[in-house]
Amino acid sequence: MSSAAAPPKANPENRAARGIVFLTVFIDLLGFGMVLPLLPIYADQFVVDESGLEIGLLMASFSAMQFLFAPLWGRLSDRIGRRPVLMIGLAGSVVFYTLFGIATTMQSMTLLFISRIGAGIAGATISTAQAYIADTTTLEERPKGMALIGMAFGLGFTFGPLFGFLAVPSGTGDPGPWPGYAAAGLSSLALLLAWLKLPESIRSDSPSAAKHNFNLKGLRDALSVPSVGLLLISLFVVVFSFANFETTLSMLLKGTKHTAEQEHPFAFSFGGVCLTYAYIGFTLALVQGGIVRRVAGKVSEGVLASIGCVLMIVGMLLILKATQDQGVELLMGALAIVVAGFGFMMPSLNSFISRRSDPEKQGGILGIGQSVNSLARILGSALGIPLLKLNIFAPFAFSAAIMGLGLLLVILASRSGKDFQTSEA
């Protein structure tokens, strides 16, 4: 047996283990993608929440728990190993998705909150999955290994809503508890796969899986470069805008229970909502995998991010027009434009932040970027539904407006700094 301190080698066993991690993350995210489109609709049926604050907090609770618990799971996996932490997370998903199904049967908002908080805690083991990839890859293999996690996310968000559609027996009517139970079943399959096939990966020289959130040193390093500070604010605006859009879309499509008839411009079935989210996931995967990968390196990150901002602004304005006209075809086109804009921006902004950062401080600065991403998702999720309850046009008009600010910030960051290596030359 090789020394515990030996670096990972490229071998078939490591590749097989990474394949198992990919499958477990993918199957678990299938469950998440199945439940996400239906959650706000269920909640709206269970409670009279005219302000939307309670449903907004429900939508934000998952991301908030991931933000809080990812570092804790990481530190625990450093001590007891990656495999048991991944399995604990999967077992938690089984329990809390089952509870989600029970909550829909009982029409209990309290149980919905418990199920989403628990699922957020269980799902915060993604950083441990990333650490597993780092444990089993060489430096040369690592980018491809980490891409597996991104691929699992993309496929999970694409096919999860399709499974949600299948869980609705006729594609119309009330799906009842079956999306929750089906998600629990998928997580059970992932847990069984991990138990039977996943070896432990941690070694004495494995990097820590603990992802620190805001820490003063990383924040100081990030803000010491003015253009990086602007890019971090841009990242917050982009993710905030998309989370605001993502969490309100279900209720826009389906309509809300406690509003007038004119507030139901589309009146999609439950099945239609799931298919729309699958369409969004497929579009995002197509844009990032088929377009952004081909033009990255040929077109600057600043240009790509600016194009993404413009696309999101145009898409949000078209959603407003489609809602006013009750035009489903225009809505589908607008959704594709919004998602394409987001697909252009996210990898471009992350790459931009990396290029502007001192390589020796890059890890801490990218960690701050991840924290900014998480906080924006929490706040965007919490605010979107109250805005929708206030006025059906409000979330999308607001998102378009703040994306205008995002575009300005990206342009300023592009013109106000240079790559770290260039500035040192």
Protein backbone atom coordinates (compact mmCIF):
# COMPACT_ATOMS: atom_id res chain seq x y z
CA MET A 1 0.00 0.00 0.00
CA SER A 2 1.27 3.48 -0.84
CA SER A 3 2.17 5.95 1.86
CA ALA A 4 -0.68 7.98 3.29
CA ALA A 5 1.19 11.12 2.39
CA ALA A 6 1.71 10.16 -1.25
CA PRO A 7 0.11 12.46 -3.77
CA PRO A 8 -2.85 11.12 -5.70
CA LYS A 9 -2.01 9.30 -8.90
CA ALA A 10 -4.01 9.07 -12.08
CA ASN A 11 -5.36 5.54 -11.97
CA PRO A 12 -8.58 3.70 -12.84
CA GLU A 13 -9.60 3.32 -9.19
CA ASN A 14 -9.52 7.09 -8.65
CA ARG A 15 -11.45 7.67 -11.87
CA ALA A 16 -14.07 5.14 -10.78
CA ALA A 17 -14.37 6.83 -7.36
CA ARG A 18 -14.84 10.22 -9.01
CA GLY A 19 -17.52 8.67 -11.17
CA ILE A 20 -19.33 7.47 -8.05
CA VAL A 21 -19.10 10.97 -6.52
CA PHE A 22 -20.52 12.40 -9.74
CA LEU A 23 -23.44 9.96 -9.67
CA THR A 24 -24.21 10.56 -6.00
CA VAL A 25 -24.18 14.36 -6.44
CA PHE A 26 -26.22 14.08 -9.64
CA ILE A 27 -28.86 11.81 -8.13
CA ASP A 28 -29.16 13.97 -5.02
CA LEU A 29 -29.53 17.11 -7.15
CA LEU A 30 -32.20 15.38 -9.21
CA GLY A 31 -34.24 15.39 -6.03
CA PHE A 32 -33.53 19.06 -5.38
CA GLY A 33 -34.38 20.01 -8.96
CA MET A 34 -37.60 18.04 -8.69
CA VAL A 35 -38.84 19.89 -5.59
CA LEU A 36 -37.62 23.47 -6.31
CA PRO A 37 -40.21 24.46 -8.96
CA LEU A 38 -43.14 23.24 -6.84
CA LEU A 39 -42.11 24.49 -3.40
CA PRO A 40 -43.44 28.09 -3.54
CA ILE A 41 -46.70 26.89 -5.12
CA TYR A 42 -47.27 24.39 -2.34
CA ALA A 43 -46.47 27.03 0.28
CA ASP A 44 -48.88 29.50 -1.29
CA GLN A 45 -51.66 26.91 -1.00
CA PHE A 46 -50.96 26.14 2.64
CA VAL A 47 -50.92 29.62 4.13
CA VAL A 48 -52.53 33.03 3.66
CA ASP A 49 -49.39 35.13 3.27
CA GLU A 50 -50.46 38.36 1.64
CA SER A 51 -47.07 40.01 2.13
CA GLY A 52 -45.11 37.00 0.82
CA LEU A 53 -42.57 37.32 3.63
CA GLU A 54 -43.19 33.85 5.05
CA ILE A 55 -42.85 32.15 1.67
CA GLY A 56 -39.79 34.28 0.92
CA LEU A 57 -38.14 33.09 4.13
CA LEU A 58 -39.03 29.51 3.22
CA MET A 59 -37.31 29.88 -0.14
CA ALA A 60 -34.24 31.49 1.47
CA SER A 61 -33.92 28.91 4.25
CA PHE A 62 -32.24 26.26 2.07
CA SER A 63 -29.46 28.59 0.86
CA ALA A 64 -29.01 30.06 4.34
CA MET A 65 -28.40 26.61 5.81
CA GLN A 66 -25.93 25.76 3.06
CA PHE A 67 -24.06 28.98 3.77
CA LEU A 68 -23.85 28.21 7.48
CA PHE A 69 -23.17 24.48 7.38
CA ALA A 70 -20.79 23.99 4.42
CA PRO A 71 -17.73 25.00 6.56
CA LEU A 72 -18.90 22.78 9.42
CA TRP A 73 -19.28 19.72 7.18
CA GLY A 74 -15.89 20.52 5.66
CA ARG A 75 -14.16 20.59 9.04
CA LEU A 76 -15.92 17.39 10.09
CA SER A 77 -14.81 15.62 6.90
CA ASP A 78 -11.22 16.71 7.62
CA ARG A 79 -11.49 14.82 10.92
CA ILE A 80 -13.59 11.73 10.16
CA GLY A 81 -13.26 11.40 6.39
CA ARG A 82 -15.15 12.42 3.25
CA ARG A 83 -17.14 9.21 2.81
CA PRO A 84 -19.06 9.29 6.12
CA VAL A 85 -19.90 13.00 5.73
CA LEU A 86 -21.21 12.46 2.19
CA MET A 87 -23.29 9.54 3.42
CA ILE A 88 -24.67 11.55 6.37
CA GLY A 89 -25.70 14.27 3.93
CA LEU A 90 -27.43 11.78 1.64
CA ALA A 91 -29.20 10.13 4.58
CA GLY A 92 -30.40 13.57 5.67
CA SER A 93 -31.75 14.21 2.18
CA VAL A 94 -33.74 10.97 2.36
CA VAL A 95 -35.28 12.00 5.69
CA PHE A 96 -36.10 15.59 4.79
CA TYR A 97 -37.44 14.94 1.29
CA THR A 98 -39.72 12.33 2.87
CA LEU A 99 -40.79 14.97 5.38
CA PHE A 100 -41.47 17.31 2.45
CA GLY A 101 -43.90 14.74 1.04
CA ILE A 102 -45.59 14.41 4.43
CA ALA A 103 -45.80 18.21 4.74
CA THR A 104 -47.65 18.46 1.42
CA THR A 105 -50.15 15.84 2.56
CA MET A 106 -50.73 17.60 5.88
CA GLN A 107 -50.58 21.06 4.25
CA SER A 108 -48.26 22.15 7.05
CA MET A 109 -46.10 25.23 6.57
CA THR A 110 -44.18 24.32 9.73
CA LEU A 111 -43.19 20.94 8.28
CA LEU A 112 -42.26 22.61 4.99
CA PHE A 113 -39.87 24.89 6.88
CA ILE A 114 -38.35 21.96 8.78
CA SER A 115 -37.95 19.96 5.56
CA ARG A 116 -36.24 22.80 3.68
CA ILE A 117 -33.96 23.74 6.59
CA GLY A 118 -32.99 20.10 6.99
CA ALA A 119 -32.47 19.61 3.25
CA GLY A 120 -30.25 22.71 3.20
CA ILE A 121 -28.12 21.33 6.03
CA ALA A 122 -27.88 17.94 4.32
CA GLY A 123 -27.12 19.50 0.93
CA ALA A 124 -24.28 21.60 2.30
CA THR A 125 -21.91 18.65 1.79
CA ILE A 126 -21.17 19.73 -1.79
CA SER A 127 -17.89 21.30 -0.61
CA THR A 128 -16.98 17.87 0.81
CA ALA A 129 -17.67 16.33 -2.61
CA GLN A 130 -15.32 18.92 -4.12
CA ALA A 131 -12.69 18.00 -1.52
CA TYR A 132 -13.11 14.34 -2.47
CA ILE A 133 -12.31 15.28 -6.07
CA ALA A 134 -9.23 17.20 -4.89
CA ASP A 135 -8.11 14.17 -2.86
CA THR A 136 -8.26 11.86 -5.89
CA THR A 137 -6.86 14.05 -8.67
CA THR A 138 -3.46 15.29 -9.68
CA LEU A 139 -3.06 19.02 -10.25
CA GLU A 140 -3.30 18.38 -13.98
CA GLU A 141 -6.54 16.40 -13.62
CA ARG A 142 -8.17 18.72 -11.10
CA PRO A 143 -9.94 21.16 -13.46
CA LYS A 144 -11.60 18.25 -15.25
CA GLY A 145 -12.44 16.63 -11.92
CA MET A 146 -14.07 19.79 -10.57
CA ALA A 147 -15.98 20.12 -13.85
CA LEU A 148 -17.71 16.85 -12.93
CA ILE A 149 -19.37 18.58 -9.98
CA GLY A 150 -20.52 21.43 -12.23
CA MET A 151 -21.83 18.91 -14.73
CA ALA A 152 -23.74 17.10 -11.98
CA PHE A 153 -25.33 20.41 -10.98
CA GLY A 154 -26.34 21.22 -14.54
CA LEU A 155 -27.78 17.79 -15.27
CA GLY A 156 -29.55 17.67 -11.90
CA PHE A 157 -31.29 20.98 -12.51
CA THR A 158 -32.20 19.90 -16.05
CA PHE A 159 -33.54 16.43 -15.36
CA GLY A 160 -34.85 17.04 -11.82
CA PRO A 161 -37.85 19.06 -13.03
CA LEU A 162 -38.52 16.36 -15.65
CA PHE A 163 -38.72 13.79 -12.86
CA GLY A 164 -40.99 16.21 -11.05
CA PHE A 165 -43.21 16.25 -14.12
CA LEU A 166 -43.30 12.44 -14.11
CA ALA A 167 -44.27 12.51 -10.43
CA VAL A 168 -47.43 14.39 -11.43
CA PRO A 169 -49.58 11.45 -12.58
CA SER A 170 -51.42 13.22 -15.42
CA GLY A 171 -49.22 16.32 -15.81
CA THR A 172 -52.15 18.37 -14.52
CA GLY A 173 -53.88 18.78 -11.19
CA ASP A 174 -52.32 18.54 -7.74
CA PRO A 175 -49.15 16.37 -7.61
CA GLY A 176 -49.62 15.72 -3.91
CA PRO A 177 -46.70 14.22 -1.98
CA TRP A 178 -45.10 12.25 -4.81
CA PRO A 179 -42.37 14.72 -5.84
CA GLY A 180 -41.10 14.67 -2.23
CA TYR A 181 -41.24 10.90 -2.01
CA ALA A 182 -39.61 10.47 -5.41
CA ALA A 183 -36.81 12.86 -4.38
CA ALA A 184 -36.32 10.81 -1.21
CA GLY A 185 -36.18 7.66 -3.33
CA LEU A 186 -33.48 9.14 -5.56
CA SER A 187 -31.43 10.19 -2.53
CA SER A 188 -31.83 6.67 -1.13
CA LEU A 189 -30.38 5.30 -4.37
CA ALA A 190 -27.43 7.71 -4.10
CA LEU A 191 -26.89 6.68 -0.47
CA LEU A 192 -26.89 2.99 -1.40
CA LEU A 193 -24.43 3.66 -4.22
CA ALA A 194 -22.09 5.54 -1.87
CA TRP A 195 -22.34 2.85 0.81
CA LEU A 196 -21.53 0.01 -1.60
CA LYS A 197 -19.06 1.62 -3.97
CA LEU A 198 -17.48 4.78 -2.56
CA PRO A 199 -14.04 4.35 -0.93
CA GLU A 200 -12.55 6.82 1.53
CA SER A 201 -10.31 9.41 -0.13
CA ILE A 202 -8.75 11.47 2.65
CA ARG A 203 -4.99 11.29 3.07
CA SER A 204 -2.60 12.90 5.52
CA ASP A 205 -1.77 15.58 2.94
CA SER A 206 -5.33 16.17 1.74
CA PRO A 207 -6.32 19.84 1.57
CA SER A 208 -8.86 21.02 4.12
CA ALA A 209 -12.49 20.84 3.00
CA ALA A 210 -13.52 23.62 5.39
CA LYS A 211 -14.70 26.56 3.35
CA HIS A 212 -14.42 29.68 5.46
CA ASN A 213 -17.09 32.23 4.72
CA PHE A 214 -16.33 35.87 5.39
CA ASN A 215 -12.92 36.24 7.00
CA LEU A 216 -11.18 39.54 7.48
CA LYS A 217 -7.95 38.57 5.73
CA GLY A 218 -9.72 37.38 2.58
CA LEU A 219 -11.93 40.47 2.61
CA ARG A 220 -8.91 42.79 3.00
CA ASP A 221 -7.11 40.99 0.17
CA ALA A 222 -10.16 41.29 -2.07
CA LEU A 223 -10.75 44.98 -1.37
CA SER A 224 -7.05 45.86 -1.77
CA VAL A 225 -7.59 45.62 -5.54
CA PRO A 226 -10.29 48.18 -6.49
CA SER A 227 -11.44 46.32 -9.59
CA VAL A 228 -11.87 43.10 -7.59
CA GLY A 229 -14.14 44.94 -5.18
CA LEU A 230 -16.23 46.15 -8.12
CA LEU A 231 -16.36 42.62 -9.53
CA LEU A 232 -17.53 41.20 -6.19
CA ILE A 233 -20.34 43.76 -6.08
CA SER A 234 -21.17 42.83 -9.70
CA LEU A 235 -21.29 39.17 -8.70
CA PHE A 236 -23.68 39.98 -5.84
CA VAL A 237 -25.98 41.95 -8.17
CA VAL A 238 -26.04 39.19 -10.79
CA VAL A 239 -26.79 36.36 -8.38
CA PHE A 240 -29.29 38.46 -6.40
CA SER A 241 -31.15 39.28 -9.61
CA PHE A 242 -31.22 35.68 -10.81
CA ALA A 243 -32.31 34.31 -7.42
CA ASN A 244 -35.08 36.92 -7.33
CA PHE A 245 -36.21 35.70 -10.77
CA GLU A 246 -35.75 31.98 -10.07
CA THR A 247 -37.80 31.88 -6.87
CA THR A 248 -40.73 33.90 -8.25
CA LEU A 249 -41.03 32.18 -11.61
CA SER A 250 -43.12 29.24 -10.33
CA MET A 251 -45.77 31.54 -8.89
CA LEU A 252 -45.78 33.70 -12.02
CA LEU A 253 -46.40 30.61 -14.16
CA LYS A 254 -48.94 28.91 -11.91
CA GLY A 255 -50.62 31.93 -10.37
CA THR A 256 -51.08 32.57 -6.69
CA LYS A 257 -54.01 31.32 -4.65
CA HIS A 258 -54.86 34.51 -2.83
CA THR A 259 -54.86 37.03 -5.68
CA ALA A 260 -57.35 38.27 -8.24
CA GLU A 261 -57.84 36.51 -11.55
CA GLN A 262 -55.85 39.15 -13.45
CA GLU A 263 -52.82 38.10 -11.40
CA HIS A 264 -52.86 34.70 -13.16
CA PRO A 265 -51.54 35.63 -16.62
CA PHE A 266 -50.41 32.11 -17.60
CA ALA A 267 -52.12 29.55 -15.30
CA PHE A 268 -49.68 26.72 -16.06
CA SER A 269 -50.36 23.25 -14.69
CA PHE A 270 -47.96 21.72 -12.16
CA GLY A 271 -46.55 19.65 -15.01
CA GLY A 272 -46.10 22.76 -17.13
CA VAL A 273 -44.13 24.46 -14.35
CA CYS A 274 -41.79 21.45 -14.09
CA LEU A 275 -41.26 21.33 -17.86
CA THR A 276 -40.48 25.06 -17.90
CA TYR A 277 -37.76 24.61 -15.27
CA ALA A 278 -36.34 21.68 -17.25
CA TYR A 279 -36.25 23.97 -20.29
CA ILE A 280 -34.34 26.56 -18.24
CA GLY A 281 -31.83 23.96 -17.03
CA PHE A 282 -31.29 22.63 -20.55
CA THR A 283 -30.82 26.16 -21.92
CA LEU A 284 -28.25 26.98 -19.23
CA ALA A 285 -26.31 23.77 -19.92
CA LEU A 286 -26.41 24.46 -23.67
CA VAL A 287 -25.18 28.04 -23.29
CA GLN A 288 -22.37 27.24 -20.85
CA GLY A 289 -21.28 24.02 -22.51
CA GLY A 290 -21.89 24.88 -26.16
CA ILE A 291 -21.24 28.62 -26.43
CA VAL A 292 -19.32 30.01 -23.46
CA ARG A 293 -16.68 27.25 -23.55
CA ARG A 294 -16.04 27.92 -27.23
CA VAL A 295 -15.67 31.69 -26.97
CA ALA A 296 -13.88 31.81 -23.59
CA GLY A 297 -10.27 32.82 -24.15
CA LYS A 298 -11.13 34.38 -27.51
CA VAL A 299 -13.35 37.10 -26.06
CA SER A 300 -12.43 38.91 -22.85
CA GLU A 301 -14.29 38.19 -19.61
CA GLY A 302 -15.36 41.83 -19.40
CA VAL A 303 -17.04 41.67 -22.79
CA LEU A 304 -18.71 38.33 -22.04
CA ALA A 305 -19.98 39.54 -18.66
CA SER A 306 -21.27 42.77 -20.23
CA ILE A 307 -23.09 40.79 -22.92
CA GLY A 308 -24.60 38.66 -20.17
CA CYS A 309 -25.83 41.76 -18.29
CA VAL A 310 -27.46 43.15 -21.43
CA LEU A 311 -29.11 39.81 -22.19
CA MET A 312 -30.53 39.59 -18.67
CA ILE A 313 -31.89 43.13 -18.83
CA VAL A 314 -33.54 42.47 -22.21
CA GLY A 315 -34.91 39.14 -21.01
CA MET A 316 -36.44 40.65 -17.86
CA LEU A 317 -38.10 43.42 -19.89
CA LEU A 318 -39.50 40.82 -22.28
CA ILE A 319 -40.90 38.87 -19.31
CA LEU A 320 -42.75 42.05 -18.32
CA LYS A 321 -44.14 42.37 -21.85
CA ALA A 322 -45.10 38.68 -21.99
CA THR A 323 -46.85 38.96 -18.63
CA GLN A 324 -48.78 42.02 -19.76
CA ASP A 325 -49.82 40.34 -23.03
CA GLN A 326 -50.22 36.83 -21.51
CA GLY A 327 -47.95 35.61 -24.31
CA VAL A 328 -46.53 32.16 -23.62
CA GLU A 329 -44.30 32.08 -26.73
CA LEU A 330 -42.76 35.44 -25.84
CA LEU A 331 -42.30 34.25 -22.26
CA MET A 332 -40.39 31.15 -23.39
CA GLY A 333 -38.11 33.29 -25.55
CA ALA A 334 -37.58 35.74 -22.69
CA LEU A 335 -36.65 32.94 -20.29
CA ALA A 336 -34.05 31.64 -22.74
CA ILE A 337 -32.53 35.13 -23.01
CA VAL A 338 -32.38 35.62 -19.22
CA VAL A 339 -30.79 32.21 -18.67
CA ALA A 340 -28.31 32.75 -21.51
CA GLY A 341 -27.28 36.04 -19.92
CA PHE A 342 -26.72 34.35 -16.58
CA GLY A 343 -24.77 31.58 -18.31
CA PHE A 344 -22.46 34.16 -19.89
CA MET A 345 -21.91 36.10 -16.70
CA MET A 346 -21.18 33.59 -13.96
CA PRO A 347 -18.08 31.85 -15.38
CA SER A 348 -16.84 35.17 -16.79
CA LEU A 349 -17.07 37.00 -13.46
CA ASN A 350 -15.40 34.15 -11.55
CA SER A 351 -12.59 34.00 -14.10
CA PHE A 352 -12.30 37.80 -14.05
CA ILE A 353 -11.92 37.82 -10.24
CA SER A 354 -9.29 35.09 -10.48
CA ARG A 355 -7.26 36.95 -13.13
CA ARG A 356 -7.22 40.19 -11.11
CA SER A 357 -6.13 38.47 -7.86
CA ASP A 358 -2.66 37.78 -6.51
CA PRO A 359 -2.18 34.02 -7.06
CA GLU A 360 -0.92 33.67 -3.47
CA LYS A 361 -4.14 35.23 -2.15
CA GLN A 362 -6.47 33.81 -4.77
CA GLY A 363 -7.95 31.07 -2.61
CA GLY A 364 -9.13 33.50 0.06
CA ILE A 365 -10.47 35.98 -2.49
CA LEU A 366 -12.40 33.28 -4.38
CA GLY A 367 -13.76 32.15 -1.00
CA ILE A 368 -15.08 35.68 -0.44
CA GLY A 369 -16.61 35.47 -3.92
CA GLN A 370 -18.39 32.24 -2.97
CA SER A 371 -19.68 33.88 0.21
CA VAL A 372 -20.95 36.86 -1.77
CA ASN A 373 -22.68 34.41 -4.12
CA SER A 374 -24.37 32.63 -1.20
CA LEU A 375 -25.52 35.82 0.52
CA ALA A 376 -26.95 37.16 -2.73
CA ARG A 377 -28.89 33.94 -3.25
CA ILE A 378 -30.28 34.11 0.29
CA LEU A 379 -31.40 37.74 0.00
CA GLY A 380 -32.67 37.39 -3.58
CA SER A 381 -34.73 34.36 -2.63
CA ALA A 382 -36.19 36.11 0.41
CA LEU A 383 -37.15 39.32 -1.42
CA GLY A 384 -38.56 37.97 -4.70
CA ILE A 385 -41.90 36.61 -3.49
CA PRO A 386 -42.80 39.65 -1.33
CA LEU A 387 -42.19 41.76 -4.44
CA LEU A 388 -44.42 39.45 -6.49
CA LYS A 389 -47.18 39.71 -3.88
CA LEU A 390 -46.86 43.49 -3.98
CA ASN A 391 -47.18 43.58 -7.76
CA ILE A 392 -46.81 40.83 -10.33
CA PHE A 393 -44.44 42.95 -12.42
CA ALA A 394 -42.27 44.11 -9.50
CA PRO A 395 -39.65 41.31 -9.22
CA PHE A 396 -38.78 41.41 -12.91
CA ALA A 397 -38.75 45.21 -13.18
CA PHE A 398 -36.54 45.33 -10.08
CA SER A 399 -34.19 42.69 -11.49
CA ALA A 400 -33.88 44.59 -14.78
CA ALA A 401 -33.08 47.80 -12.90
CA ILE A 402 -30.37 46.33 -10.68
CA MET A 403 -28.87 44.50 -13.67
CA GLY A 404 -28.39 47.96 -15.19
CA LEU A 405 -26.25 48.70 -12.13
CA GLY A 406 -24.45 45.38 -12.67
CA LEU A 407 -23.61 46.33 -16.25
CA LEU A 408 -22.19 49.67 -15.12
CA LEU A 409 -20.06 47.95 -12.46
CA VAL A 410 -18.68 45.38 -14.93
CA ILE A 411 -17.72 48.14 -17.39
CA LEU A 412 -16.03 50.16 -14.62
CA ALA A 413 -14.13 47.09 -13.38
CA SER A 414 -12.97 46.28 -16.91
CA ARG A 415 -11.57 49.76 -17.40
CA SER A 416 -10.16 50.37 -13.92
CA GLY A 417 -7.69 47.52 -13.55
CA LYS A 418 -5.47 44.94 -15.17
CA ASP A 419 -4.64 41.28 -14.65
CA PHE A 420 -2.39 40.78 -11.63
CA GLN A 421 0.52 39.46 -13.72
CA THR A 422 0.26 42.36 -16.15
CA SER A 423 0.24 44.97 -13.39
CA GLU A 424 3.38 43.43 -11.89
CA ALA A 425 5.20 43.27 -15.19
